PDB file of N, CA and C in Angstrom:
ATOM      1  N   UNK A   1      99.727  99.101  97.679  1.00  0.00           N
ATOM      2  CA  UNK A   1      99.893 100.325  97.625  1.00  0.00           C
ATOM      3  C   UNK A   1      99.017 100.869  97.256  1.00  0.00           C
ATOM      4  N   UNK A   2      98.649  99.976  96.207  1.00  0.00           N
ATOM      5  CA  UNK A   2      96.935 101.922  95.568  1.00  0.00           C
ATOM      6  C   UNK A   2      96.127 100.902  95.987  1.00  0.00           C
ATOM      7  N   UNK A   3      95.979  99.272  96.134  1.00  0.00           N
ATOM      8  CA  UNK A   3      94.839  98.539  96.705  1.00  0.00           C
ATOM      9  C   UNK A   3      94.166  99.718  97.723  1.00  0.00           C
ATOM     10  N   UNK A   4      95.235  99.864  98.613  1.00  0.00           N
ATOM     11  CA  UNK A   4      94.490 100.511 100.381  1.00  0.00           C
ATOM     12  C   UNK A   4      94.167 102.106 100.264  1.00  0.00           C
ATOM     13  N   UNK A   5      94.318 102.838  98.583  1.00  0.00           N
ATOM     14  CA  UNK A   5      93.849 103.937  98.380  1.00  0.00           C
ATOM     15  C   UNK A   5      92.504 104.785  98.775  1.00  0.00           C
ATOM     16  N   UNK A   6      91.721 104.582  98.690  1.00  0.00           N
ATOM     17  CA  UNK A   6      90.116 105.325  98.339  1.00  0.00           C
ATOM     18  C   UNK A   6      90.093 105.764  97.186  1.00  0.00           C
ATOM     19  N   UNK A   7      88.863 105.955  96.238  1.00  0.00           N
ATOM     20  CA  UNK A   7      88.590 105.961  95.229  1.00  0.00           C
ATOM     21  C   UNK A   7      88.788 107.487  94.587  1.00  0.00           C
ATOM     22  N   UNK A   8      89.053 108.745  95.696  1.00  0.00           N
ATOM     23  CA  UNK A   8      89.258 110.332  95.750  1.00  0.00           C
ATOM     24  C   UNK A   8      91.055 110.810  96.027  1.00  0.00           C
ATOM     25  N   UNK A   9      91.385 109.421  96.365  1.00  0.00           N
ATOM     26  CA  UNK A   9      92.597 109.497  96.159  1.00  0.00           C
ATOM     27  C   UNK A   9      93.586 109.724  95.247  1.00  0.00           C
ATOM     28  N   UNK A  10      92.733 107.864  94.898  1.00  0.00           N
ATOM     29  CA  UNK A  10      92.844 107.868  92.954  1.00  0.00           C
ATOM     30  C   UNK A  10      92.989 108.489  92.099  1.00  0.00           C
ATOM     31  N   UNK A  11      92.013 110.036  92.567  1.00  0.00           N
ATOM     32  CA  UNK A  11      91.295 110.266  91.112  1.00  0.00           C
ATOM     33  C   UNK A  11      92.471 111.324  91.234  1.00  0.00           C
ATOM     34  N   UNK A  12      93.116 111.948  92.753  1.00  0.00           N
ATOM     35  CA  UNK A  12      93.499 112.801  93.122  1.00  0.00           C
ATOM     36  C   UNK A  12      95.223 112.606  92.609  1.00  0.00           C
ATOM     37  N   UNK A  13      95.813 110.984  92.386  1.00  0.00           N
ATOM     38  CA  UNK A  13      96.828 110.904  91.978  1.00  0.00           C
ATOM     39  C   UNK A  13      96.565 110.725  90.649  1.00  0.00           C
ATOM     40  N   UNK A  14      95.106 110.762  89.844  1.00  0.00           N
ATOM     41  CA  UNK A  14      95.339 111.677  87.959  1.00  0.00           C
ATOM     42  C   UNK A  14      94.936 112.518  87.655  1.00  0.00           C
ATOM     43  N   UNK A  15      94.916 113.499  88.328  1.00  0.00           N
ATOM     44  CA  UNK A  15      94.249 114.593  88.865  1.00  0.00           C
ATOM     45  C   UNK A  15      96.457 115.313  88.637  1.00  0.00           C
ATOM     46  N   UNK A  16      96.734 114.604  89.702  1.00  0.00           N
ATOM     47  CA  UNK A  16      98.332 115.762  89.476  1.00  0.00           C
ATOM     48  C   UNK A  16      99.926 114.207  88.753  1.00  0.00           C
ATOM     49  N   UNK A  17      99.324 113.178  88.457  1.00  0.00           N
ATOM     50  CA  UNK A  17      99.808 112.649  87.789  1.00  0.00           C
ATOM     51  C   UNK A  17     100.192 112.986  85.817  1.00  0.00           C
ATOM     52  N   UNK A  18      98.196 113.347  85.499  1.00  0.00           N
ATOM     53  CA  UNK A  18      97.854 114.140  84.514  1.00  0.00           C
ATOM     54  C   UNK A  18      97.881 112.694  83.443  1.00  0.00           C
ATOM     55  N   UNK A  19      98.064 111.563  84.423  1.00  0.00           N
ATOM     56  CA  UNK A  19      97.827 109.919  83.188  1.00  0.00           C
ATOM     57  C   UNK A  19      96.663 109.432  84.661  1.00  0.00           C
ATOM     58  N   UNK A  20      95.260 108.310  83.187  1.00  0.00           N
ATOM     59  CA  UNK A  20      93.869 108.334  83.962  1.00  0.00           C
ATOM     60  C   UNK A  20      94.832 106.826  84.544  1.00  0.00           C
ATOM     61  N   UNK A  21      93.981 106.382  85.081  1.00  0.00           N
ATOM     62  CA  UNK A  21      94.770 105.058  86.225  1.00  0.00           C
ATOM     63  C   UNK A  21      94.827 104.411  84.827  1.00  0.00           C
ATOM     64  N   UNK A  22      94.234 104.016  83.569  1.00  0.00           N
ATOM     65  CA  UNK A  22      94.416 102.588  82.859  1.00  0.00           C
ATOM     66  C   UNK A  22      95.240 102.558  82.417  1.00  0.00           C
ATOM     67  N   UNK A  23      96.357 103.927  82.012  1.00  0.00           N
ATOM     68  CA  UNK A  23      97.548 104.494  81.434  1.00  0.00           C
ATOM     69  C   UNK A  23      98.938 104.493  82.358  1.00  0.00           C
ATOM     70  N   UNK A  24      98.973 103.851  83.203  1.00  0.00           N
ATOM     71  CA  UNK A  24      99.695 104.454  85.539  1.00  0.00           C
ATOM     72  C   UNK A  24     100.523 102.679  84.212  1.00  0.00           C
ATOM     73  N   UNK A  25     100.045 101.534  83.946  1.00  0.00           N
ATOM     74  CA  UNK A  25     101.395 100.502  83.732  1.00  0.00           C
ATOM     75  C   UNK A  25     102.573 100.938  82.661  1.00  0.00           C
ATOM     76  N   UNK A  26     101.895 101.867  81.346  1.00  0.00           N
ATOM     77  CA  UNK A  26     102.660 101.810  80.406  1.00  0.00           C
ATOM     78  C   UNK A  26     103.106 103.958  80.214  1.00  0.00           C
ATOM     79  N   UNK A  27     102.923 104.643  81.579  1.00  0.00           N
ATOM     80  CA  UNK A  27     103.375 106.118  81.680  1.00  0.00           C
ATOM     81  C   UNK A  27     104.295 106.350  81.854  1.00  0.00           C
ATOM     82  N   UNK A  28     104.912 107.841  81.517  1.00  0.00           N
ATOM     83  CA  UNK A  28     106.406 107.417  82.407  1.00  0.00           C
ATOM     84  C   UNK A  28     106.471 107.346  83.846  1.00  0.00           C
ATOM     85  N   UNK A  29     107.400 107.392  84.670  1.00  0.00           N
ATOM     86  CA  UNK A  29     107.053 106.751  85.982  1.00  0.00           C
ATOM     87  C   UNK A  29     106.989 107.983  86.282  1.00  0.00           C
ATOM     88  N   UNK A  30     108.563 108.622  86.541  1.00  0.00           N
ATOM     89  CA  UNK A  30     107.846 110.206  87.675  1.00  0.00           C
ATOM     90  C   UNK A  30     107.732 110.642  88.388  1.00  0.00           C
ATOM     91  N   UNK A  31     106.657 111.184  87.029  1.00  0.00           N
ATOM     92  CA  UNK A  31     105.408 112.299  87.899  1.00  0.00           C
ATOM     93  C   UNK A  31     104.541 111.863  88.653  1.00  0.00           C
ATOM     94  N   UNK A  32     104.284 110.497  88.134  1.00  0.00           N
ATOM     95  CA  UNK A  32     103.254 109.589  88.498  1.00  0.00           C
ATOM     96  C   UNK A  32     103.217 108.840  89.467  1.00  0.00           C
ATOM     97  N   UNK A  33     104.681 108.587  90.289  1.00  0.00           N
ATOM     98  CA  UNK A  33     105.698 108.276  91.765  1.00  0.00           C
ATOM     99  C   UNK A  33     105.666 109.545  93.073  1.00  0.00           C
ATOM    100  N   UNK A  34     105.365 110.841  92.475  1.00  0.00           N
ATOM    101  CA  UNK A  34     105.743 111.606  92.944  1.00  0.00           C
ATOM    102  C   UNK A  34     103.853 112.044  93.202  1.00  0.00           C
ATOM    103  N   UNK A  35     103.437 111.948  92.172  1.00  0.00           N
ATOM    104  CA  UNK A  35     101.634 111.944  92.953  1.00  0.00           C
ATOM    105  C   UNK A  35     101.509 110.383  93.503  1.00  0.00           C
ATOM    106  N   UNK A  36     101.849 109.289  93.860  1.00  0.00           N
ATOM    107  CA  UNK A  36     101.331 108.284  94.957  1.00  0.00           C
ATOM    108  C   UNK A  36     102.239 108.485  95.860  1.00  0.00           C
ATOM    109  N   UNK A  37     103.555 109.607  95.765  1.00  0.00           N
ATOM    110  CA  UNK A  37     104.157 109.591  97.473  1.00  0.00           C
ATOM    111  C   UNK A  37     103.344 111.057  97.949  1.00  0.00           C
ATOM    112  N   UNK A  38     103.226 111.937  97.145  1.00  0.00           N
ATOM    113  CA  UNK A  38     102.403 113.117  97.031  1.00  0.00           C
ATOM    114  C   UNK A  38     100.787 112.439  98.255  1.00  0.00           C
ATOM    115  N   UNK A  39      99.868 111.685  97.827  1.00  0.00           N
ATOM    116  CA  UNK A  39      98.809 111.001  98.251  1.00  0.00           C
ATOM    117  C   UNK A  39      99.513 110.381  99.613  1.00  0.00           C
ATOM    118  N   UNK A  40     100.138 109.375  98.895  1.00  0.00           N
ATOM    119  CA  UNK A  40     100.143 108.257 100.917  1.00  0.00           C
ATOM    120  C   UNK A  40     100.708 109.480 101.491  1.00  0.00           C
ATOM    121  N   UNK A  41     101.082 110.295 101.174  1.00  0.00           N
ATOM    122  CA  UNK A  41     102.763 110.850 102.667  1.00  0.00           C
ATOM    123  C   UNK A  41     101.377 111.898 103.460  1.00  0.00           C
ATOM    124  N   UNK A  42     100.526 112.140 102.647  1.00  0.00           N
ATOM    125  CA  UNK A  42      99.694 113.194 102.793  1.00  0.00           C
ATOM    126  C   UNK A  42      98.867 113.141 104.312  1.00  0.00           C
ATOM    127  N   UNK A  43      98.854 111.380 104.595  1.00  0.00           N
ATOM    128  CA  UNK A  43      98.333 110.743 104.813  1.00  0.00           C
ATOM    129  C   UNK A  43      98.637 111.283 107.176  1.00  0.00           C
ATOM    130  N   UNK A  44      99.806 111.062 107.183  1.00  0.00           N
ATOM    131  CA  UNK A  44     100.869 111.380 107.668  1.00  0.00           C
ATOM    132  C   UNK A  44     101.301 113.035 108.119  1.00  0.00           C
ATOM    133  N   UNK A  45     101.010 112.720 107.187  1.00  0.00           N
ATOM    134  CA  UNK A  45     101.745 114.765 106.988  1.00  0.00           C
ATOM    135  C   UNK A  45     101.117 115.396 106.339  1.00  0.00           C
ATOM    136  N   UNK A  46      99.684 116.253 106.607  1.00  0.00           N
ATOM    137  CA  UNK A  46      98.793 116.753 106.011  1.00  0.00           C
ATOM    138  C   UNK A  46      99.803 117.849 105.490  1.00  0.00           C
ATOM    139  N   UNK A  47     100.314 118.738 106.053  1.00  0.00           N
ATOM    140  CA  UNK A  47     101.580 119.995 105.519  1.00  0.00           C
ATOM    141  C   UNK A  47     102.188 119.808 104.874  1.00  0.00           C
ATOM    142  N   UNK A  48     102.541 118.674 104.482  1.00  0.00           N
ATOM    143  CA  UNK A  48     102.890 117.973 102.582  1.00  0.00           C
ATOM    144  C   UNK A  48     102.615 119.119 101.504  1.00  0.00           C
ATOM    145  N   UNK A  49     103.833 119.808 100.877  1.00  0.00           N
ATOM    146  CA  UNK A  49     103.845 120.041  99.556  1.00  0.00           C
ATOM    147  C   UNK A  49     104.308 119.487  98.579  1.00  0.00           C
ATOM    148  N   UNK A  50     104.394 120.114  97.831  1.00  0.00           N
ATOM    149  CA  UNK A  50     104.213 118.952  96.430  1.00  0.00           C
ATOM    150  C   UNK A  50     105.947 119.343  96.282  1.00  0.00           C
ATOM    151  N   UNK A  51     105.598 120.591  96.401  1.00  0.00           N
ATOM    152  CA  UNK A  51     107.859 120.976  96.429  1.00  0.00           C
ATOM    153  C   UNK A  51     108.500 120.395  96.785  1.00  0.00           C
ATOM    154  N   UNK A  52     107.917 119.922  98.520  1.00  0.00           N
ATOM    155  CA  UNK A  52     108.546 119.065  99.454  1.00  0.00           C
ATOM    156  C   UNK A  52     108.789 117.701  98.740  1.00  0.00           C
ATOM    157  N   UNK A  53     108.216 117.345  97.732  1.00  0.00           N
ATOM    158  CA  UNK A  53     107.971 115.929  96.729  1.00  0.00           C
ATOM    159  C   UNK A  53     108.922 115.879  95.871  1.00  0.00           C
ATOM    160  N   UNK A  54     108.946 116.984  94.920  1.00  0.00           N
ATOM    161  CA  UNK A  54     109.711 117.051  94.189  1.00  0.00           C
ATOM    162  C   UNK A  54     111.084 117.123  94.659  1.00  0.00           C
ATOM    163  N   UNK A  55     111.181 118.100  95.936  1.00  0.00           N
ATOM    164  CA  UNK A  55     113.199 117.567  96.062  1.00  0.00           C
ATOM    165  C   UNK A  55     113.820 116.243  96.832  1.00  0.00           C
ATOM    166  N   UNK A  56     112.797 114.828  96.867  1.00  0.00           N
ATOM    167  CA  UNK A  56     112.909 113.749  97.677  1.00  0.00           C
ATOM    168  C   UNK A  56     113.649 113.177  96.915  1.00  0.00           C
ATOM    169  N   UNK A  57     114.711 112.342  96.682  1.00  0.00           N
ATOM    170  CA  UNK A  57     114.933 111.097  96.178  1.00  0.00           C
ATOM    171  C   UNK A  57     114.195 109.853  96.583  1.00  0.00           C
ATOM    172  N   UNK A  58     114.912 108.768  95.314  1.00  0.00           N
ATOM    173  CA  UNK A  58     113.916 107.339  95.571  1.00  0.00           C
ATOM    174  C   UNK A  58     113.980 107.162  96.361  1.00  0.00           C
ATOM    175  N   UNK A  59     115.112 106.910  97.120  1.00  0.00           N
ATOM    176  CA  UNK A  59     115.088 105.804  98.721  1.00  0.00           C
ATOM    177  C   UNK A  59     113.878 106.291  99.626  1.00  0.00           C
ATOM    178  N   UNK A  60     113.501 107.795  99.688  1.00  0.00           N
ATOM    179  CA  UNK A  60     112.580 108.167 101.099  1.00  0.00           C
ATOM    180  C   UNK A  60     111.474 108.338 100.352  1.00  0.00           C
ATOM    181  N   UNK A  61     111.161 108.104  99.026  1.00  0.00           N
ATOM    182  CA  UNK A  61     109.528 108.135  98.299  1.00  0.00           C
ATOM    183  C   UNK A  61     109.421 106.708  98.574  1.00  0.00           C
ATOM    184  N   UNK A  62     110.353 105.487  98.487  1.00  0.00           N
ATOM    185  CA  UNK A  62     110.025 104.487  98.817  1.00  0.00           C
ATOM    186  C   UNK A  62     109.772 104.274  99.764  1.00  0.00           C
ATOM    187  N   UNK A  63     110.775 104.859 100.787  1.00  0.00           N
ATOM    188  CA  UNK A  63     109.594 104.923 101.997  1.00  0.00           C
ATOM    189  C   UNK A  63     108.596 105.462 102.361  1.00  0.00           C
ATOM    190  N   UNK A  64     108.093 106.483 101.715  1.00  0.00           N
ATOM    191  CA  UNK A  64     106.825 106.485 101.416  1.00  0.00           C
ATOM    192  C   UNK A  64     105.861 105.421 101.158  1.00  0.00           C
ATOM    193  N   UNK A  65     105.933 105.345 100.019  1.00  0.00           N
ATOM    194  CA  UNK A  65     105.078 104.170  99.585  1.00  0.00           C
ATOM    195  C   UNK A  65     105.071 103.146 100.170  1.00  0.00           C
ATOM    196  N   UNK A  66     106.311 102.198 100.344  1.00  0.00           N
ATOM    197  CA  UNK A  66     106.544 101.009 100.846  1.00  0.00           C
ATOM    198  C   UNK A  66     106.932  99.868  99.975  1.00  0.00           C
ATOM    199  N   UNK A  67     107.158 100.475  98.514  1.00  0.00           N
ATOM    200  CA  UNK A  67     107.366  99.602  97.607  1.00  0.00           C
ATOM    201  C   UNK A  67     108.151 100.011  96.714  1.00  0.00           C
ATOM    202  N   UNK A  68     108.661  99.038  96.717  1.00  0.00           N
ATOM    203  CA  UNK A  68     110.499  99.637  95.238  1.00  0.00           C
ATOM    204  C   UNK A  68     109.402 100.562  94.142  1.00  0.00           C
ATOM    205  N   UNK A  69     110.307 101.768  93.711  1.00  0.00           N
ATOM    206  CA  UNK A  69     110.075 102.969  93.047  1.00  0.00           C
ATOM    207  C   UNK A  69     110.834 102.881  91.448  1.00  0.00           C
ATOM    208  N   UNK A  70     110.242 103.072  90.748  1.00  0.00           N
ATOM    209  CA  UNK A  70     111.198 102.780  89.436  1.00  0.00           C
ATOM    210  C   UNK A  70     112.373 103.439  90.017  1.00  0.00           C
ATOM    211  N   UNK A  71     113.510 102.911  88.918  1.00  0.00           N
ATOM    212  CA  UNK A  71     114.777 103.167  89.141  1.00  0.00           C
ATOM    213  C   UNK A  71     115.246 103.114  87.100  1.00  0.00           C
ATOM    214  N   UNK A  72     116.174 103.563  87.216  1.00  0.00           N
ATOM    215  CA  UNK A  72     116.993 104.165  86.348  1.00  0.00           C
ATOM    216  C   UNK A  72     118.412 103.117  86.180  1.00  0.00           C
ATOM    217  N   UNK A  73     118.796 102.541  85.280  1.00  0.00           N
ATOM    218  CA  UNK A  73     120.224 102.117  86.015  1.00  0.00           C
ATOM    219  C   UNK A  73     120.795 102.912  84.453  1.00  0.00           C
ATOM    220  N   UNK A  74     121.815 103.364  85.470  1.00  0.00           N
ATOM    221  CA  UNK A  74     122.740 104.103  85.101  1.00  0.00           C
ATOM    222  C   UNK A  74     124.059 103.594  84.778  1.00  0.00           C
ATOM    223  N   UNK A  75     125.053 103.608  84.166  1.00  0.00           N
ATOM    224  CA  UNK A  75     125.825 102.093  82.641  1.00  0.00           C
ATOM    225  C   UNK A  75     126.970 102.751  83.402  1.00  0.00           C
TER     226      UNK A  75
END
Protein backbone atom coordinates (compact mmCIF):
# COMPACT_ATOMS: atom_id res chain seq x y z
CA UNK A 1 0.00 0.00 0.00
CA UNK A 2 2.34 2.76 1.22
CA UNK A 3 5.30 1.40 -0.76
CA UNK A 4 3.48 2.21 -4.02
CA UNK A 5 2.94 5.89 -3.17
CA UNK A 6 5.12 8.66 -4.55
CA UNK A 7 6.98 11.00 -2.23
CA UNK A 8 4.58 13.86 -2.98
CA UNK A 9 1.68 11.61 -1.96
CA UNK A 10 3.42 10.63 1.27
CA UNK A 11 4.02 14.31 2.00
CA UNK A 12 0.32 15.01 1.42
CA UNK A 13 -0.59 12.26 3.89
CA UNK A 14 1.74 13.86 6.45
CA UNK A 15 0.05 17.23 5.90
CA UNK A 16 -3.50 15.87 6.04
CA UNK A 17 -2.92 13.64 9.06
CA UNK A 18 -0.73 16.06 10.98
CA UNK A 19 1.85 13.33 11.64
CA UNK A 20 5.31 12.79 10.18
CA UNK A 21 5.89 9.43 8.53
CA UNK A 22 8.17 8.30 11.37
CA UNK A 23 5.22 8.75 13.79
CA UNK A 24 2.72 6.66 11.83
CA UNK A 25 3.25 3.42 13.78
CA UNK A 26 2.38 5.04 17.12
CA UNK A 27 0.03 7.92 16.22
CA UNK A 28 -3.77 7.80 16.48
CA UNK A 29 -5.02 5.96 13.40
CA UNK A 30 -8.34 7.54 12.42
CA UNK A 31 -7.05 10.71 10.78
CA UNK A 32 -4.06 8.83 9.33
CA UNK A 33 -6.35 6.21 7.77
CA UNK A 34 -8.56 8.95 6.35
CA UNK A 35 -5.53 10.72 4.85
CA UNK A 36 -4.20 7.51 3.26
CA UNK A 37 -7.65 6.69 1.87
CA UNK A 38 -8.06 10.21 0.48
CA UNK A 39 -4.69 10.23 -1.29
CA UNK A 40 -5.10 6.72 -2.71
CA UNK A 41 -8.71 7.24 -3.83
CA UNK A 42 -7.94 10.55 -5.57
CA UNK A 43 -5.91 8.61 -8.15
CA UNK A 44 -9.10 7.01 -9.52
CA UNK A 45 -11.59 9.67 -8.44
CA UNK A 46 -9.95 13.13 -8.64
CA UNK A 47 -13.20 14.86 -7.69
CA UNK A 48 -13.27 13.12 -4.27
CA UNK A 49 -13.50 15.50 -1.34
CA UNK A 50 -12.15 15.22 2.20
CA UNK A 51 -15.75 15.42 3.42
CA UNK A 52 -16.66 12.31 1.41
CA UNK A 53 -13.81 10.43 3.07
CA UNK A 54 -15.00 11.63 6.49
CA UNK A 55 -18.35 9.96 5.76
CA UNK A 56 -16.88 6.59 4.67
CA UNK A 57 -17.10 3.42 6.73
CA UNK A 58 -14.05 1.35 7.64
CA UNK A 59 -15.15 -1.27 5.10
CA UNK A 60 -15.30 1.37 2.34
CA UNK A 61 -11.82 2.60 3.28
CA UNK A 62 -10.48 -0.94 3.33
CA UNK A 63 -11.82 -1.44 -0.19
CA UNK A 64 -9.78 1.55 -1.36
CA UNK A 65 -6.62 0.90 0.63
CA UNK A 66 -6.67 -2.84 -0.06
CA UNK A 67 -5.51 -3.72 3.45
CA UNK A 68 -7.05 -4.06 6.88
CA UNK A 69 -7.61 -0.69 8.49
CA UNK A 70 -7.33 -0.22 12.25
CA UNK A 71 -10.51 -1.26 14.01
CA UNK A 72 -11.78 -0.77 17.52
CA UNK A 73 -12.99 -3.75 19.49
CA UNK A 74 -16.38 -3.18 21.02
CA UNK A 75 -17.30 -5.33 23.99
